[in-house]
Structure formats: C-alpha cells, structure tokens
Amino acid sequence: MNLSGKRFFSILTFVLLAMLAVGCQGPSKRIYALSDGEIYAREWVDVVREKPIAKDEDVSLIPLFSDENSSCYILQVNDAEEPHIHEKHDLTLILKRGEGTLNLRDRVLPMNAGDVAFIPRGAPHWFVNDKKGSAAIAFLVFSPSFDGKGTRPFYLPGF
C-alpha cells in the first residue's frame, strides 16, 4: 500500500471511530479485537483496575494488543503528558473517562469522555487532565504498530 493509500485508510479509520463515538449513548466499556487469531474481549475498566496509575505518576501506558498494522493501548493521565511528536505513527485517541485539554500543534482543544481525536504523525501534541485527583483514561490506536521508537520531545519556546 502506498503512502496516500495509508493516509486514506488512517482518515477513514478516524471518521468511522468518530461516527461510532457520536452514535453512542455513552462511552462504551467493552473492547473487542481479533488478535493473533483469538478474540480479545475486555472491559477497559477492568484493565485499569488491574493496572491503575500510581498517584505519583503523571502518565501510564498499558499495551492491549497489536499486529504489524496497528497497536492499541490504554492511556491513564493524572496530570499531563510532556509535549511530544510521534515521527512514525498516526494516533487516534478516544477519551473514555474524564475531561481535559488536547494541545495539538497551536490549538487548545477541550475533550470530554466520548470525544475522538486523530493526531497525524509529526504533529506536536500533549494531553492535560483538567480533573486533578481522578485519572483521565483514553483508548489509543497507533498506526502502524507502535514500536516504542520515533517518539521525541517537542520543546516550546518559554515552556
């Protein structure tokens, strides 16, 4: 698949996820996937209960499943992420619980549970939890699969 075909697929994925989020009465608690030939079926609240973020941690990332095309995680944010860029990965974020601010390039975007954001590779971004004392929880989809590489800090002048 060429680069424009991959971009089309990423945009189509974002549109479908956004339509799903808008059509829901509330944030779904279930995650389903076909992973390694098996059905992955969990409630995200159970994943968070099993691996809660520590009170002194700003951010916690829990891997769920992946293949060569994409990978999925649960993100927990007590305070804020550091500004950063994913050089090799597009990212779709679905906020499951909480409220906060997504800083995307030079925009400040309010987010509430059920909101969806598509963050293309190379775009500076970071999430700030607006409800201190209760972790914000998000479901993340990286495309292609997140390999732990290609993420670098983004420095803001005067920050």
Protein backbone atom coordinates (compact mmCIF):
# COMPACT_ATOMS: atom_id res chain seq x y z
CA MET A 1 0.00 0.00 0.00
CA ASN A 2 1.47 3.38 -0.94
CA LEU A 3 1.65 6.41 1.35
CA SER A 4 -1.53 8.05 0.02
CA GLY A 5 -3.40 4.76 0.45
CA LYS A 6 -2.21 4.52 4.06
CA ARG A 7 -3.27 8.12 4.73
CA PHE A 8 -6.71 7.39 3.24
CA PHE A 9 -7.03 4.32 5.50
CA SER A 10 -6.00 6.37 8.57
CA ILE A 11 -8.51 9.11 7.77
CA LEU A 12 -11.25 6.55 7.07
CA THR A 13 -10.49 4.86 10.42
CA PHE A 14 -10.76 8.22 12.20
CA VAL A 15 -14.08 9.04 10.51
CA LEU A 16 -15.55 5.64 11.41
CA LEU A 17 -14.38 5.91 15.02
CA ALA A 18 -15.80 9.44 15.27
CA MET A 19 -19.14 8.26 13.87
CA LEU A 20 -19.16 5.43 16.40
CA ALA A 21 -18.40 7.82 19.27
CA VAL A 22 -21.13 10.26 18.21
CA GLY A 23 -23.70 7.48 17.85
CA CYS A 24 -23.09 6.04 21.33
CA GLN A 25 -25.29 6.99 24.27
CA GLY A 26 -22.20 6.99 26.48
CA PRO A 27 -18.63 5.77 26.42
CA SER A 28 -18.61 2.01 25.79
CA LYS A 29 -16.89 -0.14 28.35
CA ARG A 30 -16.06 -3.02 26.01
CA ILE A 31 -13.03 -3.57 23.77
CA TYR A 32 -13.19 -6.28 21.12
CA ALA A 33 -10.47 -7.29 18.68
CA LEU A 34 -9.25 -10.25 16.69
CA SER A 35 -5.64 -10.55 17.82
CA ASP A 36 -3.31 -13.43 16.95
CA GLY A 37 -6.31 -15.42 15.72
CA GLU A 38 -8.10 -15.07 19.05
CA ILE A 39 -10.92 -12.78 20.12
CA TYR A 40 -9.77 -10.16 22.60
CA ALA A 41 -12.75 -9.14 24.73
CA ARG A 42 -12.27 -7.00 27.82
CA GLU A 43 -13.87 -4.09 29.58
CA TRP A 44 -11.45 -1.17 29.73
CA VAL A 45 -12.45 -0.51 33.35
CA ASP A 46 -11.15 -4.00 34.26
CA VAL A 47 -7.83 -3.29 32.52
CA VAL A 48 -7.49 -0.05 34.51
CA ARG A 49 -8.47 -1.79 37.77
CA GLU A 50 -5.74 -4.40 37.20
CA LYS A 51 -3.06 -1.81 36.40
CA PRO A 52 -4.05 1.51 37.97
CA ILE A 53 -1.80 4.51 37.58
CA ALA A 54 0.18 5.32 40.72
CA LYS A 55 -0.74 8.58 42.45
CA ASP A 56 2.81 9.92 41.92
CA GLU A 57 2.84 9.03 38.18
CA ASP A 58 1.87 11.59 35.55
CA VAL A 59 1.21 9.10 32.73
CA SER A 60 0.78 5.33 32.39
CA LEU A 61 0.51 3.37 29.12
CA ILE A 62 -0.95 -0.17 29.14
CA PRO A 63 -0.44 -2.28 25.98
CA LEU A 64 -3.52 -4.25 24.90
CA PHE A 65 -2.84 -5.90 21.52
CA SER A 66 -1.07 -5.28 18.23
CA ASP A 67 -0.18 -6.55 14.79
CA GLU A 68 2.10 -5.12 12.10
CA ASN A 69 -0.52 -2.52 11.08
CA SER A 70 -1.66 -1.08 14.41
CA SER A 71 -1.42 -1.34 18.17
CA CYS A 72 -3.84 -0.42 20.94
CA TYR A 73 -3.22 0.89 24.44
CA ILE A 74 -4.98 2.31 27.45
CA LEU A 75 -3.54 5.68 28.47
CA GLN A 76 -4.01 6.99 32.03
CA VAL A 77 -3.14 10.62 32.78
CA ASN A 78 -3.08 12.01 36.32
CA ASP A 79 -1.61 15.39 35.42
CA ALA A 80 -0.22 15.97 31.92
CA GLU A 81 1.85 14.44 29.17
CA GLU A 82 5.06 16.13 28.11
CA PRO A 83 4.78 17.80 24.69
CA HIS A 84 5.95 15.29 22.09
CA ILE A 85 5.84 14.11 18.46
CA HIS A 86 5.35 10.63 17.01
CA GLU A 87 7.56 10.63 13.93
CA LYS A 88 6.42 7.26 12.53
CA HIS A 89 2.89 6.78 13.86
CA ASP A 90 -0.57 8.26 13.35
CA LEU A 91 -2.58 8.22 16.56
CA THR A 92 -6.31 8.01 17.23
CA LEU A 93 -7.34 8.87 20.79
CA ILE A 94 -10.77 8.11 22.25
CA LEU A 95 -11.29 9.67 25.67
CA LYS A 96 -13.14 7.11 27.80
CA ARG A 97 -13.27 8.87 31.18
CA GLY A 98 -12.57 12.36 32.43
CA GLU A 99 -12.05 15.68 30.77
CA GLY A 100 -9.02 17.56 29.66
CA THR A 101 -7.28 19.62 27.07
CA LEU A 102 -5.62 18.24 23.97
CA ASN A 103 -2.91 20.59 22.78
CA LEU A 104 -2.49 19.84 19.08
CA ARG A 105 0.04 21.96 17.20
CA ASP A 106 -1.01 25.52 18.10
CA ARG A 107 -4.61 24.64 19.07
CA VAL A 108 -6.08 24.00 22.51
CA LEU A 109 -8.96 21.55 22.20
CA PRO A 110 -11.33 20.70 25.08
CA MET A 111 -12.07 16.99 25.41
CA ASN A 112 -14.74 15.10 27.34
CA ALA A 113 -15.48 11.39 27.65
CA GLY A 114 -16.57 10.08 24.25
CA ASP A 115 -14.56 12.61 22.22
CA VAL A 116 -12.23 11.33 19.48
CA ALA A 117 -9.05 12.93 18.12
CA PHE A 118 -6.88 11.94 15.17
CA ILE A 119 -3.26 13.07 15.53
CA PRO A 120 -1.19 12.63 12.35
CA ARG A 121 2.46 11.63 12.63
CA GLY A 122 4.74 14.61 13.11
CA ALA A 123 2.10 16.75 14.85
CA PRO A 124 3.24 18.18 18.20
CA HIS A 125 0.72 17.28 20.91
CA TRP A 126 0.08 16.60 24.60
CA PHE A 127 -2.90 15.96 26.83
CA VAL A 128 -3.60 17.75 30.13
CA ASN A 129 -6.05 16.26 32.63
CA ASP A 130 -8.39 19.02 33.86
CA LYS A 131 -9.78 16.98 36.79
CA LYS A 132 -6.90 16.56 39.20
CA GLY A 133 -7.38 13.72 41.65
CA SER A 134 -9.03 11.44 39.08
CA ALA A 135 -7.07 9.99 36.16
CA ALA A 136 -8.30 10.67 32.64
CA ILE A 137 -8.49 7.42 30.65
CA ALA A 138 -8.11 7.10 26.87
CA PHE A 139 -8.09 4.27 24.34
CA LEU A 140 -5.25 4.77 21.82
CA VAL A 141 -4.75 3.29 18.36
CA PHE A 142 -1.32 3.72 16.74
CA SER A 143 -0.85 3.09 13.03
CA PRO A 144 1.46 1.46 12.08
CA SER A 145 2.05 -0.59 15.20
CA PHE A 146 3.85 1.41 17.90
CA ASP A 147 7.36 0.05 18.38
CA GLY A 148 8.44 2.42 21.15
CA LYS A 149 10.65 4.32 18.72
CA GLY A 150 10.14 7.57 16.87
CA THR A 151 8.66 9.50 19.78
CA ARG A 152 10.59 12.61 20.67
CA PRO A 153 10.04 15.57 22.95
CA PHE A 154 8.72 18.78 21.47
CA TYR A 155 10.10 21.89 23.08
CA LEU A 156 8.00 25.02 23.23
CA PRO A 157 9.74 28.39 23.47
CA GLY A 158 9.39 29.67 27.02
CA PHE A 159 7.79 26.44 28.30
